[in-house]
Amino acid sequence: MWHDRRSSRIGAEPISERTRAGVKAAQSRSVKFGREKKLNAQQRNHVRKLISQEERPGDIATLFKVSRATVYRALAS
Protein backbone atom coordinates (compact mmCIF):
# COMPACT_ATOMS: atom_id res chain seq x y z
CA MET A 1 0.00 0.00 0.00
CA TRP A 2 2.74 2.46 0.94
CA HIS A 3 5.26 3.15 -1.76
CA ASP A 4 8.80 4.32 -1.22
CA ARG A 5 9.22 7.20 -3.66
CA ARG A 6 12.97 7.38 -3.21
CA SER A 7 13.51 3.99 -4.80
CA SER A 8 11.37 4.86 -7.82
CA ARG A 9 13.11 8.12 -8.66
CA ILE A 10 15.20 7.86 -11.74
CA GLY A 11 18.33 9.94 -11.45
CA ALA A 12 18.05 10.54 -7.70
CA GLU A 13 21.65 9.50 -7.11
CA PRO A 14 23.18 12.07 -9.50
CA ILE A 15 21.21 14.85 -7.73
CA SER A 16 22.69 13.97 -4.35
CA GLU A 17 26.13 13.69 -5.92
CA ARG A 18 25.77 17.15 -7.45
CA THR A 19 24.57 18.49 -4.10
CA ARG A 20 27.57 17.03 -2.28
CA ALA A 21 29.89 18.43 -4.95
CA GLY A 22 28.28 21.86 -4.63
CA VAL A 23 28.62 21.84 -0.84
CA LYS A 24 32.26 20.79 -1.12
CA ALA A 25 32.94 23.56 -3.66
CA ALA A 26 31.27 26.14 -1.41
CA GLN A 27 33.30 24.98 1.58
CA SER A 28 36.50 25.32 -0.43
CA ARG A 29 35.48 28.95 -1.08
CA SER A 30 34.97 29.40 2.70
CA VAL A 31 31.23 29.94 2.37
CA LYS A 32 29.61 29.86 5.82
CA PHE A 33 26.68 27.54 6.31
CA GLY A 34 23.85 27.92 8.78
CA ARG A 35 21.99 30.74 10.37
CA GLU A 36 23.66 33.97 11.45
CA LYS A 37 23.99 34.62 15.17
CA LYS A 38 21.56 37.11 16.67
CA LEU A 39 24.28 38.71 18.79
CA ASN A 40 27.77 39.43 17.51
CA ALA A 41 30.86 39.17 19.72
CA GLN A 42 30.68 42.80 20.82
CA GLN A 43 27.02 42.45 21.80
CA ARG A 44 27.73 39.21 23.71
CA ASN A 45 30.44 41.01 25.67
CA HIS A 46 27.98 43.82 26.40
CA VAL A 47 25.45 41.25 27.65
CA ARG A 48 28.07 39.82 30.02
CA LYS A 49 28.90 43.31 31.28
CA LEU A 50 25.23 44.09 31.92
CA ILE A 51 24.76 40.81 33.78
CA SER A 52 27.78 41.61 35.95
CA GLN A 53 26.08 44.94 36.73
CA GLU A 54 23.09 42.90 37.96
CA GLU A 55 20.74 43.77 35.10
CA ARG A 56 17.91 41.30 34.65
CA PRO A 57 18.16 38.93 31.67
CA GLY A 58 14.65 39.87 30.55
CA ASP A 59 15.56 43.56 30.43
CA ILE A 60 18.73 42.77 28.49
CA ALA A 61 16.73 40.66 26.05
CA THR A 62 14.35 43.55 25.49
CA LEU A 63 17.26 45.94 24.95
CA PHE A 64 18.79 43.72 22.25
CA LYS A 65 15.40 42.62 20.84
CA VAL A 66 16.13 38.93 21.41
CA SER A 67 14.68 36.23 23.67
CA ARG A 68 15.87 35.53 27.19
CA ALA A 69 17.09 32.15 25.92
CA THR A 70 19.40 33.99 23.50
CA VAL A 71 20.76 36.03 26.40
CA TYR A 72 21.45 32.86 28.39
CA ARG A 73 23.14 31.26 25.35
CA ALA A 74 25.32 34.36 24.99
CA LEU A 75 26.37 33.99 28.62
CA ALA A 76 27.22 30.32 28.11
CA SER A 77 29.42 30.96 25.08
C-alpha atoms as a PDB file:
ATOM      1  CA  MET A   1       0.000   0.000   0.000  1.00  0.00           C
ATOM      2  CA  TRP A   2       2.739   2.458   0.941  1.00  0.00           C
ATOM      3  CA  HIS A   3       5.258   3.149  -1.759  1.00  0.00           C
ATOM      4  CA  ASP A   4       8.799   4.325  -1.218  1.00  0.00           C
ATOM      5  CA  ARG A   5       9.216   7.205  -3.659  1.00  0.00           C
ATOM      6  CA  ARG A   6      12.970   7.376  -3.212  1.00  0.00           C
ATOM      7  CA  SER A   7      13.509   3.990  -4.804  1.00  0.00           C
ATOM      8  CA  SER A   8      11.370   4.858  -7.816  1.00  0.00           C
ATOM      9  CA  ARG A   9      13.111   8.124  -8.661  1.00  0.00           C
ATOM     10  CA  ILE A  10      15.203   7.859 -11.737  1.00  0.00           C
ATOM     11  CA  GLY A  11      18.326   9.938 -11.446  1.00  0.00           C
ATOM     12  CA  ALA A  12      18.052  10.537  -7.702  1.00  0.00           C
ATOM     13  CA  GLU A  13      21.649   9.505  -7.108  1.00  0.00           C
ATOM     14  CA  PRO A  14      23.177  12.067  -9.499  1.00  0.00           C
ATOM     15  CA  ILE A  15      21.214  14.847  -7.735  1.00  0.00           C
ATOM     16  CA  SER A  16      22.694  13.966  -4.350  1.00  0.00           C
ATOM     17  CA  GLU A  17      26.127  13.687  -5.917  1.00  0.00           C
ATOM     18  CA  ARG A  18      25.769  17.154  -7.448  1.00  0.00           C
ATOM     19  CA  THR A  19      24.569  18.493  -4.104  1.00  0.00           C
ATOM     20  CA  ARG A  20      27.567  17.033  -2.279  1.00  0.00           C
ATOM     21  CA  ALA A  21      29.887  18.428  -4.951  1.00  0.00           C
ATOM     22  CA  GLY A  22      28.282  21.864  -4.630  1.00  0.00           C
ATOM     23  CA  VAL A  23      28.622  21.841  -0.840  1.00  0.00           C
ATOM     24  CA  LYS A  24      32.257  20.789  -1.122  1.00  0.00           C
ATOM     25  CA  ALA A  25      32.944  23.556  -3.661  1.00  0.00           C
ATOM     26  CA  ALA A  26      31.266  26.137  -1.412  1.00  0.00           C
ATOM     27  CA  GLN A  27      33.297  24.975   1.580  1.00  0.00           C
ATOM     28  CA  SER A  28      36.497  25.320  -0.429  1.00  0.00           C
ATOM     29  CA  ARG A  29      35.475  28.955  -1.082  1.00  0.00           C
ATOM     30  CA  SER A  30      34.973  29.400   2.705  1.00  0.00           C
ATOM     31  CA  VAL A  31      31.229  29.942   2.374  1.00  0.00           C
ATOM     32  CA  LYS A  32      29.614  29.865   5.817  1.00  0.00           C
ATOM     33  CA  PHE A  33      26.678  27.538   6.313  1.00  0.00           C
ATOM     34  CA  GLY A  34      23.853  27.923   8.780  1.00  0.00           C
ATOM     35  CA  ARG A  35      21.988  30.736  10.367  1.00  0.00           C
ATOM     36  CA  GLU A  36      23.665  33.970  11.455  1.00  0.00           C
ATOM     37  CA  LYS A  37      23.995  34.622  15.167  1.00  0.00           C
ATOM     38  CA  LYS A  38      21.562  37.113  16.670  1.00  0.00           C
ATOM     39  CA  LEU A  39      24.281  38.706  18.793  1.00  0.00           C
ATOM     40  CA  ASN A  40      27.766  39.434  17.510  1.00  0.00           C
ATOM     41  CA  ALA A  41      30.861  39.175  19.722  1.00  0.00           C
ATOM     42  CA  GLN A  42      30.680  42.800  20.820  1.00  0.00           C
ATOM     43  CA  GLN A  43      27.023  42.447  21.800  1.00  0.00           C
ATOM     44  CA  ARG A  44      27.735  39.210  23.705  1.00  0.00           C
ATOM     45  CA  ASN A  45      30.439  41.009  25.671  1.00  0.00           C
ATOM     46  CA  HIS A  46      27.984  43.822  26.396  1.00  0.00           C
ATOM     47  CA  VAL A  47      25.450  41.252  27.652  1.00  0.00           C
ATOM     48  CA  ARG A  48      28.073  39.820  30.024  1.00  0.00           C
ATOM     49  CA  LYS A  49      28.895  43.308  31.277  1.00  0.00           C
ATOM     50  CA  LEU A  50      25.231  44.093  31.916  1.00  0.00           C
ATOM     51  CA  ILE A  51      24.757  40.813  33.782  1.00  0.00           C
ATOM     52  CA  SER A  52      27.781  41.611  35.952  1.00  0.00           C
ATOM     53  CA  GLN A  53      26.084  44.939  36.735  1.00  0.00           C
ATOM     54  CA  GLU A  54      23.094  42.895  37.964  1.00  0.00           C
ATOM     55  CA  GLU A  55      20.745  43.774  35.101  1.00  0.00           C
ATOM     56  CA  ARG A  56      17.906  41.296  34.652  1.00  0.00           C
ATOM     57  CA  PRO A  57      18.161  38.935  31.674  1.00  0.00           C
ATOM     58  CA  GLY A  58      14.646  39.870  30.554  1.00  0.00           C
ATOM     59  CA  ASP A  59      15.557  43.555  30.428  1.00  0.00           C
ATOM     60  CA  ILE A  60      18.729  42.774  28.493  1.00  0.00           C
ATOM     61  CA  ALA A  61      16.728  40.659  26.053  1.00  0.00           C
ATOM     62  CA  THR A  62      14.345  43.554  25.489  1.00  0.00           C
ATOM     63  CA  LEU A  63      17.262  45.941  24.954  1.00  0.00           C
ATOM     64  CA  PHE A  64      18.789  43.722  22.251  1.00  0.00           C
ATOM     65  CA  LYS A  65      15.400  42.615  20.842  1.00  0.00           C
ATOM     66  CA  VAL A  66      16.131  38.925  21.414  1.00  0.00           C
ATOM     67  CA  SER A  67      14.675  36.233  23.666  1.00  0.00           C
ATOM     68  CA  ARG A  68      15.868  35.527  27.194  1.00  0.00           C
ATOM     69  CA  ALA A  69      17.094  32.153  25.922  1.00  0.00           C
ATOM     70  CA  THR A  70      19.395  33.985  23.500  1.00  0.00           C
ATOM     71  CA  VAL A  71      20.759  36.029  26.405  1.00  0.00           C
ATOM     72  CA  TYR A  72      21.452  32.858  28.388  1.00  0.00           C
ATOM     73  CA  ARG A  73      23.141  31.257  25.349  1.00  0.00           C
ATOM     74  CA  ALA A  74      25.317  34.361  24.992  1.00  0.00           C
ATOM     75  CA  LEU A  75      26.374  33.995  28.623  1.00  0.00           C
ATOM     76  CA  ALA A  76      27.219  30.320  28.113  1.00  0.00           C
ATOM     77  CA  SER A  77      29.422  30.959  25.075  1.00  0.00           C
END
